[in-house]
Amino acid sequence: MVRRVAAALVLLLIALPVQAATFKATVDRTQLYMGEGVLLTLSLVNSDTRLRAQGLDPNVDLSVLTRDFELGTPRASHRYNIHRNRGRSTSEIRVHLFPRHPGELHIPPFTVDDLSTAAITLRVLPAREDPSPPVFARHGSDKKRLWTGERAIVYLDLYHRVTLKSARLGGPLDTEPKRLHLSELPVEERKTVIEGLEYQVTRTAWSLTPVIPGPLEIYFPDIWVETAEGERIRLPFADRRLEVMALPAEVAPGTLVGRPALEQSLPEEGLRVGSPFTWEIVLRAATDLQALPASLPLDAPPALKIYFEPPQRDWETLDGQSLAVARYRAYVMPLVPGRLALPELRLPYFDPATRRLAEVRLPPAEVAVAPGVRPPMSMADMPPAATLTTPQAPAGTVEKTPVFPGTDPLARTAAILFAALWLITLILWWRHARRYTGPAPARSRPAPGEAMRAAPEASALRERPPLVRSLAEALGNPSLEAGLHQWEQAHGQDTELRRLVQAVLRHHYASAGTRETDPELEQAVRRFLQRARTRPAHASAAAQDPWRPESFAARLPSRKKARTS
């Protein structure tokens, strides 16, 4: 009996902190006017289930509200509390509802895990008749009829005379048909006075260019606003209809619609043959960015090489009108000196006012080019510079621009650099080959002195100063520098000998004429001669090449010594 009572008490203590799961729906107000919104909150507490209104497997169906309400974007949140006696977890969904019509509107119950919320009734009053509302919107376009390829501006203005906490569009601009060029323009801010009240106006505008004729339906998004006092307002959708007309048959596809403006900029001085300069052409037109041409109809004359970069497109506001701007940057390299003319630009366009094709012209600009480092007129078939100012190619022919080698300073510098690197590599390879060449086959060699006396240059050597002759015989070569190189190959680097050879050469050959013998220099030569007699003039192959295996083996102790040690 005692055991049963104890077990029951334990189970009771375990079950006390556990609370039942609850599911409820709440709204922040039950009475509102048309155009205002209400916040619906669904909360599931003390459950392992999470509320989901979106995705592949939602457990909350908000589509039952769409008959009477416009819905905002649902926001889900999930929290977990480690203190079990205060609630294990909380899952919430919040969504803004905007009534479609006045009257009593009902929010039906929702069910999750056999838990249901209570139904909620809202009282919706007609919109307030306020001639000067605190927040409202207007929409429109700058044209009602337009041609294919002609740009139209559609806009959505938000007026408010109260401080706003947030304001956003409910979605993107939609059109039917969707085949057109569409770009969102920068947001504009301005102030205006209506009925004696000052409003702040925020304009969101789009540039659209239709490509097919027929009716064009514009669907503006709704606007979601929350004031600083916490009032939520939704401004409804709007739409507009435009009529698109087909271009005349003689207008080629891709022709600009509307008169464009052209301007150019050039350097005024310092131009030389073979040195490129920058030529910039700016095109402004009341069209869409995508409608601007990717390249300009220009033909380079034979006296110039022209390289264009891809155009940079952007928007500009001029006198309150948004214009599409394309900047075409080219690098021009003159090939001959003189006064040269840049090619003329003729850009056709369709004028909507006259309904005819027209042309905007950028006249050719002349530049003065000075001669470069090298004379460029080395080709006999080049025409004189005077005839290159107004080049005209015959119709139906294709001209080939001659290529002048060596006129590009960058290519010339690169060629010189590569030639220098190749020459340095060749010299290093030659020195390496001379230093590490193996020894000649063993044969009897005469002593250095005997070889010198037997050499054909012996007579010339006898005419040299005594110190030079003695040092050359000791080194075994008529040339002191060559003998020094042979000595260092056989015995390693010898700094003292190198200084001695330099001192002897400097003493006897630094200036013309015969100089007196230096006693200290004679004494240094005698010391080297005595040192040279104790060393052979040439060492073994291992001494000549320190990287051969024999050189490393010579430095290691023998196996017998290693065992005894």
Protein backbone atom coordinates (compact mmCIF):
# COMPACT_ATOMS: atom_id res chain seq x y z
CA MET A 1 0.00 0.00 0.00
CA VAL A 2 2.80 2.40 0.89
CA ARG A 3 4.57 1.63 -2.37
CA ARG A 4 1.44 2.46 -4.40
CA VAL A 5 1.00 5.79 -2.67
CA ALA A 6 4.66 6.70 -3.25
CA ALA A 7 4.46 5.83 -6.94
CA ALA A 8 1.33 7.93 -7.36
CA LEU A 9 3.03 10.90 -5.69
CA VAL A 10 6.03 10.60 -8.00
CA LEU A 11 3.83 10.52 -11.09
CA LEU A 12 1.91 13.51 -9.82
CA LEU A 13 5.10 15.49 -9.24
CA ILE A 14 6.33 14.67 -12.73
CA ALA A 15 3.06 15.68 -14.35
CA LEU A 16 2.67 18.98 -12.49
CA PRO A 17 5.10 21.12 -14.59
CA VAL A 18 3.72 19.79 -17.87
CA GLN A 19 1.06 22.07 -19.36
CA ALA A 20 -1.37 21.24 -22.12
CA ALA A 21 -0.78 22.60 -25.64
CA THR A 22 -2.87 25.60 -26.67
CA PHE A 23 -3.70 27.10 -30.08
CA LYS A 24 -5.31 30.53 -30.35
CA ALA A 25 -5.92 33.38 -32.83
CA THR A 26 -5.85 37.09 -31.91
CA VAL A 27 -6.22 40.44 -33.74
CA ASP A 28 -4.98 43.84 -32.68
CA ARG A 29 -8.44 45.44 -33.23
CA THR A 30 -11.92 44.35 -34.19
CA GLN A 31 -13.19 47.60 -35.79
CA LEU A 32 -11.49 49.40 -38.69
CA TYR A 33 -12.15 51.45 -41.81
CA MET A 34 -11.72 50.43 -45.42
CA GLY A 35 -8.10 50.88 -46.46
CA GLU A 36 -6.83 50.09 -42.98
CA GLY A 37 -5.33 46.77 -41.94
CA VAL A 38 -5.58 44.38 -39.02
CA LEU A 39 -2.81 42.11 -37.70
CA LEU A 40 -3.80 38.45 -37.23
CA THR A 41 -1.59 36.34 -34.93
CA LEU A 42 -1.81 32.53 -34.68
CA SER A 43 0.04 31.09 -31.63
CA LEU A 44 0.71 27.41 -30.82
CA VAL A 45 2.19 26.97 -27.30
CA ASN A 46 3.60 23.86 -25.55
CA SER A 47 3.75 21.76 -28.70
CA ASP A 48 6.53 20.19 -30.71
CA THR A 49 4.70 21.15 -33.94
CA ARG A 50 5.71 24.26 -35.84
CA LEU A 51 3.18 26.40 -37.66
CA ARG A 52 3.77 26.62 -41.41
CA ALA A 53 1.69 28.76 -43.75
CA GLN A 54 4.03 28.49 -46.76
CA GLY A 55 6.18 25.85 -48.39
CA LEU A 56 5.49 22.33 -49.59
CA ASP A 57 3.67 21.07 -46.50
CA PRO A 58 1.79 23.95 -44.77
CA ASN A 59 -0.40 23.09 -41.79
CA VAL A 60 -2.15 26.49 -41.74
CA ASP A 61 -4.29 27.28 -44.80
CA LEU A 62 -4.58 31.07 -45.10
CA SER A 63 -6.29 30.86 -48.49
CA VAL A 64 -9.67 30.65 -46.68
CA LEU A 65 -9.27 34.39 -45.95
CA THR A 66 -8.77 35.57 -49.54
CA ARG A 67 -12.49 35.92 -50.23
CA ASP A 68 -12.88 38.81 -47.77
CA PHE A 69 -9.31 40.01 -47.22
CA GLU A 70 -6.16 41.00 -49.06
CA LEU A 71 -3.25 39.20 -47.38
CA GLY A 72 0.25 40.41 -46.70
CA THR A 73 3.29 38.14 -46.49
CA PRO A 74 3.03 35.70 -43.55
CA ARG A 75 5.86 35.95 -41.00
CA ALA A 76 6.66 32.82 -38.95
CA SER A 77 8.66 32.70 -35.70
CA HIS A 78 9.58 29.89 -33.30
CA ARG A 79 10.86 30.13 -29.70
CA TYR A 80 11.81 27.52 -27.11
CA ASN A 81 11.90 28.08 -23.33
CA ILE A 82 14.13 25.86 -21.16
CA HIS A 83 11.90 26.53 -18.11
CA ARG A 84 9.30 23.82 -18.62
CA ASN A 85 6.90 25.18 -16.04
CA ARG A 86 6.62 28.38 -18.11
CA GLY A 87 5.81 26.79 -21.43
CA ARG A 88 7.93 24.50 -23.48
CA SER A 89 7.79 26.22 -26.93
CA THR A 90 5.91 28.87 -28.89
CA SER A 91 5.29 28.91 -32.66
CA GLU A 92 3.61 31.95 -34.24
CA ILE A 93 2.40 33.21 -37.62
CA ARG A 94 1.64 36.90 -38.17
CA VAL A 95 -0.10 38.25 -41.25
CA HIS A 96 -1.69 41.60 -42.14
CA LEU A 97 -5.28 41.50 -43.43
CA PHE A 98 -6.92 44.29 -45.46
CA PRO A 99 -10.72 44.08 -45.97
CA ARG A 100 -12.02 43.87 -49.53
CA HIS A 101 -15.44 45.35 -48.62
CA PRO A 102 -17.16 46.90 -45.58
CA GLY A 103 -19.49 45.00 -43.21
CA GLU A 104 -19.03 42.19 -40.72
CA LEU A 105 -16.18 39.95 -41.86
CA HIS A 106 -15.38 36.64 -40.21
CA ILE A 107 -12.05 34.95 -39.62
CA PRO A 108 -12.82 31.20 -39.49
CA PRO A 109 -11.20 28.82 -36.98
CA PHE A 110 -7.90 27.07 -37.84
CA THR A 111 -7.06 23.51 -36.73
CA VAL A 112 -3.60 22.02 -35.98
CA ASP A 113 -3.02 18.71 -34.11
CA ASP A 114 -6.67 18.43 -33.04
CA LEU A 115 -6.45 21.95 -31.58
CA SER A 116 -8.69 24.70 -32.99
CA THR A 117 -8.80 28.46 -32.65
CA ALA A 118 -11.95 30.46 -32.01
CA ALA A 119 -13.67 32.35 -34.83
CA ILE A 120 -13.18 36.14 -34.91
CA THR A 121 -15.67 38.76 -36.22
CA LEU A 122 -14.46 42.13 -37.53
CA ARG A 123 -16.57 45.23 -38.11
CA VAL A 124 -15.38 47.08 -41.21
CA LEU A 125 -16.68 50.61 -41.78
CA PRO A 126 -16.68 52.44 -45.13
CA ALA A 127 -13.66 54.55 -46.00
CA ARG A 128 -13.46 57.92 -44.33
CA GLU A 129 -14.50 60.81 -46.50
CA ASP A 130 -11.41 62.96 -46.05
CA PRO A 131 -10.66 65.49 -48.82
CA SER A 132 -7.08 65.67 -47.53
CA PRO A 133 -6.14 62.16 -46.40
CA PRO A 134 -2.84 61.80 -44.54
CA VAL A 135 -1.61 59.14 -47.00
CA PHE A 136 -2.72 58.40 -50.58
CA ALA A 137 -1.25 57.33 -53.94
CA ARG A 138 -1.55 58.37 -57.58
CA HIS A 139 -0.40 56.59 -60.73
CA GLY A 140 0.01 57.56 -64.38
CA SER A 141 2.18 57.64 -67.51
CA ASP A 142 3.68 60.33 -69.74
CA LYS A 143 2.08 58.86 -72.90
CA LYS A 144 -1.19 57.17 -73.81
CA ARG A 145 -0.15 56.19 -77.34
CA LEU A 146 3.37 55.34 -78.46
CA TRP A 147 5.30 53.56 -81.21
CA THR A 148 7.14 50.27 -80.91
CA GLY A 149 10.62 51.11 -79.71
CA GLU A 150 9.44 54.38 -78.14
CA ARG A 151 10.03 54.88 -74.45
CA ALA A 152 7.19 55.58 -71.99
CA ILE A 153 7.51 56.51 -68.31
CA VAL A 154 4.95 55.05 -65.89
CA TYR A 155 4.99 56.17 -62.27
CA LEU A 156 3.46 55.51 -58.86
CA ASP A 157 3.49 58.46 -56.43
CA LEU A 158 3.05 58.12 -52.66
CA TYR A 159 1.75 61.29 -50.95
CA HIS A 160 1.95 61.65 -47.16
CA ARG A 161 1.77 64.52 -44.69
CA VAL A 162 2.45 62.40 -41.60
CA THR A 163 5.67 60.73 -40.52
CA LEU A 164 6.00 57.22 -41.87
CA LYS A 165 7.69 54.35 -40.11
CA SER A 166 7.87 52.23 -43.27
CA ALA A 167 6.52 52.15 -46.81
CA ARG A 168 7.04 49.45 -49.42
CA LEU A 169 5.58 48.12 -52.62
CA GLY A 170 3.61 44.90 -52.42
CA GLY A 171 5.37 43.49 -55.51
CA PRO A 172 6.95 44.37 -58.87
CA LEU A 173 5.33 46.17 -61.78
CA ASP A 174 3.51 43.75 -64.07
CA THR A 175 2.59 44.11 -67.75
CA GLU A 176 0.64 42.24 -70.38
CA PRO A 177 2.21 41.36 -72.77
CA LYS A 178 5.51 40.87 -70.99
CA ARG A 179 7.68 41.18 -74.11
CA LEU A 180 9.20 44.66 -73.68
CA HIS A 181 12.23 46.47 -72.26
CA LEU A 182 11.56 47.38 -68.62
CA SER A 183 13.87 49.22 -66.22
CA GLU A 184 13.22 50.75 -62.81
CA LEU A 185 14.32 54.37 -62.57
CA PRO A 186 15.92 55.97 -59.50
CA VAL A 187 13.46 56.99 -56.77
CA GLU A 188 12.67 60.73 -56.69
CA GLU A 189 11.62 62.85 -53.72
CA ARG A 190 9.80 66.18 -53.89
CA LYS A 191 7.32 68.36 -51.97
CA THR A 192 3.99 69.77 -53.14
CA VAL A 193 1.00 71.64 -51.66
CA ILE A 194 -2.57 70.27 -52.04
CA GLU A 195 -5.59 72.09 -50.55
CA GLY A 196 -3.23 74.23 -48.50
CA LEU A 197 -1.45 71.18 -46.99
CA GLU A 198 2.16 70.29 -47.71
CA TYR A 199 2.77 66.70 -48.82
CA GLN A 200 5.98 64.77 -49.19
CA VAL A 201 5.93 62.85 -52.50
CA THR A 202 7.96 59.72 -53.23
CA ARG A 203 7.90 58.72 -56.91
CA THR A 204 8.69 55.21 -58.07
CA ALA A 205 8.95 55.17 -61.87
CA TRP A 206 9.68 52.65 -64.59
CA SER A 207 10.94 53.04 -68.13
CA LEU A 208 9.29 50.65 -70.58
CA THR A 209 9.83 50.26 -74.30
CA PRO A 210 7.42 47.96 -76.15
CA VAL A 211 8.70 45.85 -79.02
CA ILE A 212 5.39 44.60 -80.45
CA PRO A 213 2.28 46.65 -81.38
CA GLY A 214 -1.11 46.30 -79.72
CA PRO A 215 -2.71 47.13 -76.37
CA LEU A 216 -0.36 47.23 -73.37
CA GLU A 217 -1.81 46.68 -69.88
CA ILE A 218 0.13 48.11 -66.91
CA TYR A 219 -0.56 46.63 -63.45
CA PHE A 220 0.80 48.73 -60.58
CA PRO A 221 1.54 47.02 -57.24
CA ASP A 222 -0.18 47.92 -53.97
CA ILE A 223 1.59 49.99 -51.30
CA TRP A 224 1.96 48.96 -47.65
CA VAL A 225 2.41 51.85 -45.23
CA GLU A 226 2.88 52.06 -41.47
CA THR A 227 2.85 55.47 -39.82
CA ALA A 228 4.97 56.53 -36.86
CA GLU A 229 1.87 56.24 -34.61
CA GLY A 230 1.49 52.57 -35.61
CA GLU A 231 -1.41 52.96 -38.06
CA ARG A 232 -1.18 50.46 -40.93
CA ILE A 233 -2.56 51.49 -44.32
CA ARG A 234 -2.67 49.53 -47.56
CA LEU A 235 -3.15 51.45 -50.79
CA PRO A 236 -4.82 49.15 -53.34
CA PHE A 237 -3.69 47.98 -56.78
CA ALA A 238 -4.09 50.15 -59.88
CA ASP A 239 -3.86 49.57 -63.62
CA ARG A 240 -3.47 51.58 -66.82
CA ARG A 241 -3.82 50.84 -70.54
CA LEU A 242 -1.52 52.10 -73.33
CA GLU A 243 -1.84 51.75 -77.10
CA VAL A 244 1.29 50.71 -79.04
CA MET A 245 1.48 51.49 -82.79
CA ALA A 246 3.64 49.68 -85.36
CA LEU A 247 6.53 51.54 -87.00
CA PRO A 248 6.40 52.28 -90.75
CA ALA A 249 7.77 49.57 -93.01
CA GLU A 250 10.81 51.64 -94.10
CA VAL A 251 12.17 51.83 -90.52
CA ALA A 252 14.80 49.13 -89.94
CA PRO A 253 14.62 47.06 -86.74
CA GLY A 254 16.79 48.44 -83.96
CA THR A 255 16.45 52.06 -85.09
CA LEU A 256 16.25 54.53 -82.24
CA VAL A 257 12.85 56.15 -81.77
CA GLY A 258 13.18 59.78 -80.67
CA ARG A 259 15.90 62.29 -81.43
CA PRO A 260 19.20 61.42 -79.69
CA ALA A 261 21.99 63.83 -78.74
CA LEU A 262 25.68 63.24 -79.48
CA GLU A 263 28.81 64.84 -78.09
CA GLN A 264 32.50 63.96 -78.14
CA SER A 265 35.67 64.81 -76.21
CA LEU A 266 39.27 64.70 -77.44
CA PRO A 267 42.69 65.72 -76.14
CA GLU A 268 43.79 69.05 -77.60
CA GLU A 269 47.57 68.63 -77.72
CA GLY A 270 50.45 66.25 -77.12
CA LEU A 271 49.44 63.69 -79.80
CA ARG A 272 52.23 61.69 -81.44
CA VAL A 273 52.51 58.93 -83.98
CA GLY A 274 52.36 55.51 -82.32
CA SER A 275 50.98 56.87 -79.02
CA PRO A 276 47.25 56.11 -78.48
CA PHE A 277 44.86 58.75 -77.17
CA THR A 278 41.29 58.54 -75.81
CA TRP A 279 38.25 59.48 -77.85
CA GLU A 280 34.90 59.47 -75.99
CA ILE A 281 31.46 59.73 -77.59
CA VAL A 282 28.37 60.26 -75.38
CA LEU A 283 24.90 59.31 -76.64
CA ARG A 284 21.79 60.54 -74.80
CA ALA A 285 18.29 59.51 -75.80
CA ALA A 286 14.78 59.35 -74.32
CA THR A 287 14.69 55.57 -74.57
CA ASP A 288 15.45 52.51 -72.50
CA LEU A 289 18.98 51.42 -71.59
CA GLN A 290 18.67 48.17 -73.55
CA ALA A 291 17.54 50.09 -76.65
CA LEU A 292 20.86 51.98 -76.92
CA PRO A 293 23.12 50.51 -79.67
CA ALA A 294 25.98 48.24 -78.60
CA SER A 295 28.28 49.79 -81.24
CA LEU A 296 28.43 52.90 -83.39
CA PRO A 297 28.48 52.90 -87.23
CA LEU A 298 32.03 54.19 -87.68
CA ASP A 299 34.66 53.34 -90.34
CA ALA A 300 38.28 53.89 -89.34
CA PRO A 301 40.41 55.69 -91.98
CA PRO A 302 43.75 54.14 -93.04
CA ALA A 303 45.71 56.72 -91.05
CA LEU A 304 44.14 55.69 -87.72
CA LYS A 305 43.61 52.55 -85.71
CA ILE A 306 40.50 52.70 -83.49
CA TYR A 307 39.69 50.23 -80.68
CA PHE A 308 36.31 50.63 -78.92
CA GLU A 309 35.41 49.41 -75.44
CA PRO A 310 31.89 48.11 -74.61
CA PRO A 311 29.62 51.08 -73.82
CA GLN A 312 28.83 52.08 -70.24
CA ARG A 313 25.08 52.67 -69.79
CA ASP A 314 23.44 54.71 -67.05
CA TRP A 315 20.54 57.05 -66.30
CA GLU A 316 20.74 60.84 -66.14
CA THR A 317 18.12 63.42 -65.18
CA LEU A 318 18.15 66.52 -67.35
CA ASP A 319 15.52 69.24 -66.86
CA GLY A 320 13.32 66.81 -64.97
CA GLN A 321 13.48 64.16 -67.72
CA SER A 322 15.16 60.77 -67.32
CA LEU A 323 17.51 60.04 -70.21
CA ALA A 324 19.37 56.86 -71.08
CA VAL A 325 23.09 57.58 -71.54
CA ALA A 326 25.74 55.43 -73.23
CA ARG A 327 29.44 56.34 -73.14
CA TYR A 328 31.54 54.87 -75.95
CA ARG A 329 35.27 55.06 -75.18
CA ALA A 330 37.77 54.39 -77.95
CA TYR A 331 41.58 54.28 -78.07
CA VAL A 332 42.88 55.86 -81.26
CA MET A 333 46.44 55.32 -82.52
CA PRO A 334 47.65 57.68 -85.27
CA LEU A 335 49.93 56.06 -87.86
CA VAL A 336 51.15 59.17 -89.72
CA PRO A 337 51.88 62.76 -88.70
CA GLY A 338 49.88 65.80 -89.77
CA ARG A 339 46.32 67.00 -89.32
CA LEU A 340 44.13 63.90 -89.26
CA ALA A 341 40.33 63.77 -89.29
CA LEU A 342 38.38 61.36 -87.12
CA PRO A 343 35.54 59.53 -88.88
CA GLU A 344 32.15 61.21 -89.12
CA LEU A 345 29.25 59.64 -87.18
CA ARG A 346 25.77 59.54 -88.74
CA LEU A 347 23.12 57.94 -86.51
CA PRO A 348 19.62 57.39 -87.99
CA TYR A 349 16.49 57.64 -85.82
CA PHE A 350 12.70 57.73 -86.21
CA ASP A 351 11.01 61.00 -85.28
CA PRO A 352 7.58 60.32 -83.69
CA ALA A 353 6.46 63.91 -84.27
CA THR A 354 7.00 63.91 -88.05
CA ARG A 355 6.62 60.12 -88.45
CA ARG A 356 9.72 60.06 -90.66
CA LEU A 357 13.28 58.84 -90.56
CA ALA A 358 15.89 61.45 -89.66
CA GLU A 359 19.59 61.52 -88.91
CA VAL A 360 21.74 63.07 -86.22
CA ARG A 361 25.30 63.89 -87.27
CA LEU A 362 28.54 64.21 -85.35
CA PRO A 363 30.94 66.14 -87.62
CA PRO A 364 34.52 64.89 -88.02
CA ALA A 365 37.00 66.44 -85.62
CA GLU A 366 40.59 67.16 -86.66
CA VAL A 367 43.61 66.43 -84.49
CA ALA A 368 47.22 67.55 -84.95
CA VAL A 369 49.68 64.63 -84.71
CA ALA A 370 53.41 65.17 -84.28
CA PRO A 371 56.01 62.70 -85.60
CA GLY A 372 56.93 59.82 -83.30
CA VAL A 373 60.32 58.33 -82.38
CA ARG A 374 60.60 56.30 -85.59
CA PRO A 375 59.59 57.61 -89.02
CA PRO A 376 56.23 55.97 -89.77
CA MET A 377 56.24 56.71 -93.52
CA SER A 378 58.39 53.75 -94.49
CA MET A 379 55.86 52.08 -96.81
CA ALA A 380 55.80 53.29 -100.39
CA ASP A 381 52.11 52.59 -100.84
CA MET A 382 51.02 54.95 -98.00
CA PRO A 383 49.21 58.03 -99.36
CA PRO A 384 50.45 61.45 -98.20
CA ALA A 385 49.17 62.86 -94.92
CA ALA A 386 47.23 65.63 -96.64
CA THR A 387 44.94 63.14 -98.38
CA LEU A 388 44.17 61.28 -95.15
CA THR A 389 42.06 64.02 -93.59
CA THR A 390 38.92 63.13 -95.56
CA PRO A 391 39.14 59.44 -96.50
CA GLN A 392 36.16 58.02 -98.37
CA ALA A 393 35.93 54.37 -99.41
CA PRO A 394 34.03 53.49 -102.59
CA ALA A 395 30.63 51.92 -102.06
CA GLY A 396 30.66 48.13 -101.95
CA THR A 397 34.43 47.84 -101.30
CA VAL A 398 36.21 46.60 -98.20
CA GLU A 399 39.33 48.50 -97.20
CA LYS A 400 42.22 46.85 -95.38
CA THR A 401 44.10 48.92 -92.84
CA PRO A 402 47.89 48.58 -93.34
CA VAL A 403 49.89 47.32 -90.41
CA PHE A 404 53.05 49.23 -89.47
CA PRO A 405 55.49 47.10 -87.47
CA GLY A 406 57.34 48.80 -84.69
CA THR A 407 54.97 51.74 -84.26
CA ASP A 408 53.47 50.42 -81.04
CA PRO A 409 55.69 51.58 -78.12
CA LEU A 410 54.41 48.84 -75.84
CA ALA A 411 55.27 46.10 -78.34
CA ARG A 412 58.67 47.67 -78.99
CA THR A 413 59.47 47.77 -75.25
CA ALA A 414 58.35 44.17 -74.78
CA ALA A 415 60.56 43.02 -77.68
CA ILE A 416 63.63 44.77 -76.21
CA LEU A 417 62.93 43.26 -72.78
CA PHE A 418 62.62 39.71 -74.13
CA ALA A 419 65.81 40.13 -76.19
CA ALA A 420 67.73 41.27 -73.11
CA LEU A 421 66.42 38.33 -71.06
CA TRP A 422 67.41 35.90 -73.83
CA LEU A 423 70.91 37.36 -74.02
CA ILE A 424 71.39 37.16 -70.21
CA THR A 425 70.20 33.53 -70.23
CA LEU A 426 72.68 32.69 -73.00
CA ILE A 427 75.60 34.27 -71.11
CA LEU A 428 74.73 32.45 -67.87
CA TRP A 429 74.47 29.13 -69.71
CA TRP A 430 77.86 29.68 -71.35
CA ARG A 431 79.54 30.49 -68.02
CA HIS A 432 77.91 27.48 -66.36
CA ALA A 433 79.08 25.19 -69.19
CA ARG A 434 82.66 26.44 -68.93
CA ARG A 435 82.72 26.11 -65.14
CA TYR A 436 81.33 22.61 -64.82
CA THR A 437 82.81 20.91 -67.87
CA GLY A 438 84.56 17.66 -66.93
CA PRO A 439 88.38 17.31 -67.07
CA ALA A 440 90.17 16.64 -70.30
CA PRO A 441 91.60 13.16 -70.92
CA ALA A 442 94.73 12.50 -68.93
CA ARG A 443 97.89 13.33 -70.86
CA SER A 444 101.26 14.65 -70.01
CA ARG A 445 101.31 18.37 -69.52
CA PRO A 446 104.30 20.62 -69.46
CA ALA A 447 104.90 22.79 -66.44
CA PRO A 448 103.34 26.25 -66.52
CA GLY A 449 106.67 27.94 -67.15
CA GLU A 450 107.66 25.52 -69.88
CA ALA A 451 104.28 25.90 -71.59
CA MET A 452 104.65 29.64 -71.54
CA ARG A 453 108.14 29.50 -72.94
CA ALA A 454 107.03 27.10 -75.67
CA ALA A 455 103.92 29.04 -76.61
CA PRO A 456 103.95 31.27 -79.71
CA GLU A 457 103.14 34.25 -77.51
CA ALA A 458 106.44 33.89 -75.63
CA SER A 459 108.07 36.64 -77.63
CA ALA A 460 105.18 39.01 -76.93
CA LEU A 461 105.21 38.07 -73.26
CA ARG A 462 108.89 38.92 -72.96
CA GLU A 463 108.07 42.48 -74.01
CA ARG A 464 105.67 42.99 -71.06
CA PRO A 465 106.71 44.44 -67.67
CA PRO A 466 108.51 42.00 -65.35
CA LEU A 467 105.68 41.73 -62.81
CA VAL A 468 103.13 40.95 -65.51
CA ARG A 469 105.46 38.35 -67.12
CA SER A 470 106.20 36.62 -63.79
CA LEU A 471 102.56 36.49 -62.76
CA ALA A 472 101.43 35.22 -66.20
CA GLU A 473 104.03 32.41 -66.13
CA ALA A 474 102.90 31.38 -62.65
CA LEU A 475 99.26 31.28 -63.74
CA GLY A 476 100.07 29.40 -66.97
CA ASN A 477 98.29 31.81 -69.34
CA PRO A 478 99.45 34.89 -71.25
CA SER A 479 96.28 36.68 -70.15
CA LEU A 480 96.18 37.46 -66.43
CA GLU A 481 92.35 37.41 -66.37
CA ALA A 482 92.20 34.02 -68.11
CA GLY A 483 94.90 32.68 -65.82
CA LEU A 484 92.99 33.91 -62.78
CA HIS A 485 89.87 32.10 -64.06
CA GLN A 486 91.85 28.83 -64.51
CA TRP A 487 93.41 29.15 -61.05
CA GLU A 488 90.02 29.63 -59.35
CA GLN A 489 88.62 26.66 -61.29
CA ALA A 490 91.37 24.48 -59.90
CA HIS A 491 91.69 25.85 -56.34
CA GLY A 492 88.43 27.67 -55.65
CA GLN A 493 87.80 31.35 -55.23
CA ASP A 494 90.97 33.27 -54.32
CA THR A 495 90.23 36.84 -53.19
CA GLU A 496 93.88 37.67 -52.52
CA LEU A 497 94.95 36.63 -56.02
CA ARG A 498 92.08 38.51 -57.61
CA ARG A 499 93.13 41.72 -55.83
CA LEU A 500 96.74 41.13 -56.85
CA VAL A 501 95.87 40.70 -60.53
CA GLN A 502 93.73 43.85 -60.46
CA ALA A 503 96.53 45.81 -58.75
CA VAL A 504 99.13 44.68 -61.30
CA LEU A 505 96.88 45.53 -64.26
CA ARG A 506 95.95 48.87 -62.75
CA HIS A 507 99.60 49.70 -62.04
CA HIS A 508 100.93 48.98 -65.54
CA TYR A 509 97.94 49.70 -67.78
CA ALA A 510 95.99 52.44 -66.00
CA SER A 511 97.66 55.18 -68.05
CA ALA A 512 99.78 55.40 -71.14
CA GLY A 513 103.51 55.24 -70.73
CA THR A 514 105.85 53.25 -68.49
CA ARG A 515 105.43 53.50 -64.75
CA GLU A 516 108.06 52.73 -62.12
CA THR A 517 107.83 49.45 -60.22
CA ASP A 518 106.08 49.53 -56.85
CA PRO A 519 108.15 47.72 -54.14
CA GLU A 520 105.06 46.63 -52.21
CA LEU A 521 103.52 45.23 -55.39
CA GLU A 522 106.74 43.33 -56.20
CA GLN A 523 106.74 41.82 -52.71
CA ALA A 524 103.08 40.70 -53.10
CA VAL A 525 103.91 39.03 -56.44
CA ARG A 526 106.87 37.17 -54.87
CA ARG A 527 104.61 35.87 -52.07
CA PHE A 528 102.17 34.50 -54.63
CA LEU A 529 104.96 32.90 -56.70
CA GLN A 530 106.19 31.13 -53.61
CA ARG A 531 102.63 29.97 -52.84
CA ALA A 532 102.12 28.84 -56.44
CA ARG A 533 105.22 26.60 -56.34
CA THR A 534 103.74 24.60 -53.45
CA ARG A 535 100.43 24.02 -55.34
CA PRO A 536 99.84 22.35 -58.70
CA ALA A 537 98.42 24.64 -61.33
CA HIS A 538 95.46 22.30 -61.95
CA ALA A 539 93.50 20.12 -59.53
CA SER A 540 91.51 16.97 -60.06
CA ALA A 541 88.05 16.87 -61.59
CA ALA A 542 86.50 16.73 -58.13
CA ALA A 543 88.24 19.99 -57.23
CA GLN A 544 87.15 21.62 -60.46
CA ASP A 545 83.48 20.68 -60.03
CA PRO A 546 82.26 20.91 -56.39
CA TRP A 547 78.93 19.37 -57.36
CA ARG A 548 80.32 16.05 -58.64
CA PRO A 549 79.86 13.00 -56.37
CA GLU A 550 83.65 12.71 -55.98
CA SER A 551 83.75 16.18 -54.35
CA PHE A 552 81.25 15.13 -51.66
CA ALA A 553 82.98 11.77 -51.15
CA ALA A 554 86.30 13.50 -50.65
CA ARG A 555 84.93 15.47 -47.71
CA LEU A 556 83.60 12.35 -45.91
CA PRO A 557 85.80 10.28 -43.53
CA SER A 558 86.70 6.79 -44.65
CA ARG A 559 84.84 3.74 -43.32
CA LYS A 560 87.87 2.59 -41.40
CA LYS A 561 88.18 5.87 -39.56
CA ALA A 562 84.47 5.88 -38.84
CA ARG A 563 84.68 2.41 -37.24
CA THR A 564 87.65 3.30 -35.07
CA SER A 565 86.02 6.51 -33.93
